[in-house]
Amino acid sequence: MSDASATSESKGSFTATLLAAVGGFSIFLIILVVAYLPNKAAPAGDGVKTPAERKAALAELRGKEQTTATTYGWVDKDKGVVRLPLERAVELTIQEAKK
């Protein structure tokens, strides 16, 4: 009789473990779906650019950044704020730090 009760407890323990594992996996899947759905990629169509278009836009952006980093220009003419090339700004900063 002790063998029968041990087998019964073993089956009950296995069932509980199996249900806990399935329940845990189900909760994980629900959290994954809830967290993933808002970030799902937009379908192809409106606003989606081809690799060539993205490459061209990146080249244009890098060109503008290069121009901004290497030329003089006005940031706000009314307030007298100018943009300096990075090299010149570093030179002025070093000179000011030596004083």
Protein backbone atom coordinates (compact mmCIF):
# COMPACT_ATOMS: atom_id res chain seq x y z
CA MET A 1 0.00 0.00 0.00
CA SER A 2 2.89 2.35 0.58
CA ASP A 3 4.02 1.81 -3.02
CA ALA A 4 0.58 2.84 -4.31
CA SER A 5 0.51 6.04 -2.26
CA ALA A 6 4.08 6.93 -3.36
CA THR A 7 3.09 6.44 -6.99
CA SER A 8 -0.04 8.55 -6.48
CA GLU A 9 2.00 11.34 -4.85
CA SER A 10 4.55 11.09 -7.65
CA LYS A 11 1.85 11.45 -10.32
CA GLY A 12 0.29 14.40 -8.46
CA SER A 13 3.67 16.07 -8.09
CA PHE A 14 4.43 15.55 -11.77
CA THR A 15 1.06 17.00 -12.77
CA ALA A 16 1.56 20.04 -10.56
CA THR A 17 5.05 20.60 -11.94
CA LEU A 18 3.78 20.23 -15.51
CA LEU A 19 0.93 22.68 -14.91
CA ALA A 20 3.32 25.19 -13.29
CA ALA A 21 5.72 24.92 -16.25
CA VAL A 22 2.93 25.35 -18.82
CA GLY A 23 1.46 28.24 -16.81
CA GLY A 24 4.85 29.94 -16.52
CA PHE A 25 5.46 29.52 -20.24
CA SER A 26 2.00 30.90 -21.01
CA ILE A 27 2.62 33.98 -18.84
CA PHE A 28 5.96 34.49 -20.58
CA LEU A 29 4.29 34.33 -24.01
CA ILE A 30 1.59 36.80 -22.96
CA ILE A 31 4.20 39.27 -21.72
CA LEU A 32 6.23 38.79 -24.89
CA VAL A 33 3.21 39.44 -27.11
CA VAL A 34 2.16 42.50 -25.12
CA ALA A 35 5.69 43.92 -25.18
CA TYR A 36 6.30 43.07 -28.86
CA LEU A 37 3.06 44.20 -30.52
CA PRO A 38 3.48 47.96 -29.88
CA ASN A 39 6.99 47.81 -31.39
CA LYS A 40 6.10 45.74 -34.42
CA ALA A 41 7.65 47.03 -37.65
CA ALA A 42 5.38 49.01 -39.94
CA PRO A 43 4.27 47.22 -43.06
CA ALA A 44 5.96 48.18 -46.31
CA GLY A 45 4.35 51.18 -47.94
CA ASP A 46 3.92 54.67 -46.55
CA GLY A 47 7.15 56.23 -45.30
CA VAL A 48 9.29 53.16 -45.88
CA LYS A 49 12.43 53.92 -47.82
CA THR A 50 14.50 51.60 -49.94
CA PRO A 51 18.11 50.92 -49.00
CA ALA A 52 19.27 53.24 -51.79
CA GLU A 53 17.06 56.07 -50.48
CA ARG A 54 18.31 55.55 -46.92
CA LYS A 55 21.91 55.55 -48.18
CA ALA A 56 21.33 58.81 -50.07
CA ALA A 57 19.68 60.42 -47.03
CA LEU A 58 22.58 59.34 -44.82
CA ALA A 59 25.12 60.74 -47.29
CA GLU A 60 23.23 64.05 -47.34
CA LEU A 61 23.09 64.16 -43.53
CA ARG A 62 26.81 63.42 -43.21
CA GLY A 63 27.58 66.14 -45.77
CA LYS A 64 25.58 68.69 -43.78
CA GLU A 65 27.28 67.62 -40.55
CA GLN A 66 30.71 67.92 -42.19
CA THR A 67 29.88 71.40 -43.46
CA THR A 68 28.61 72.44 -40.05
CA ALA A 69 31.73 71.11 -38.32
CA THR A 70 34.20 72.79 -40.69
CA THR A 71 32.73 76.19 -41.57
CA TYR A 72 31.85 79.49 -39.93
CA GLY A 73 28.22 80.52 -39.75
CA TRP A 74 25.55 82.29 -37.79
CA VAL A 75 23.61 80.32 -35.20
CA ASP A 76 21.57 83.36 -34.08
CA LYS A 77 22.48 86.62 -35.81
CA ASP A 78 20.25 88.76 -33.55
CA LYS A 79 22.04 87.52 -30.43
CA GLY A 80 25.45 87.50 -32.09
CA VAL A 81 25.98 83.73 -31.72
CA VAL A 82 28.29 82.24 -34.33
CA ARG A 83 29.40 78.73 -35.26
CA LEU A 84 33.13 78.02 -35.45
CA PRO A 85 34.93 75.16 -37.13
CA LEU A 86 35.82 72.53 -34.56
CA GLU A 87 39.57 72.93 -35.02
CA ARG A 88 39.37 76.68 -34.41
CA ALA A 89 37.15 76.19 -31.36
CA VAL A 90 39.69 73.76 -29.89
CA GLU A 91 42.53 76.24 -30.53
CA LEU A 92 40.61 79.05 -28.78
CA THR A 93 39.74 76.78 -25.86
CA ILE A 94 43.39 75.78 -25.41
CA GLN A 95 44.50 79.42 -25.57
CA GLU A 96 41.89 80.39 -22.99
CA ALA A 97 42.89 77.52 -20.71
CA LYS A 98 46.57 78.62 -20.81
CA LYS A 99 45.70 82.08 -19.45
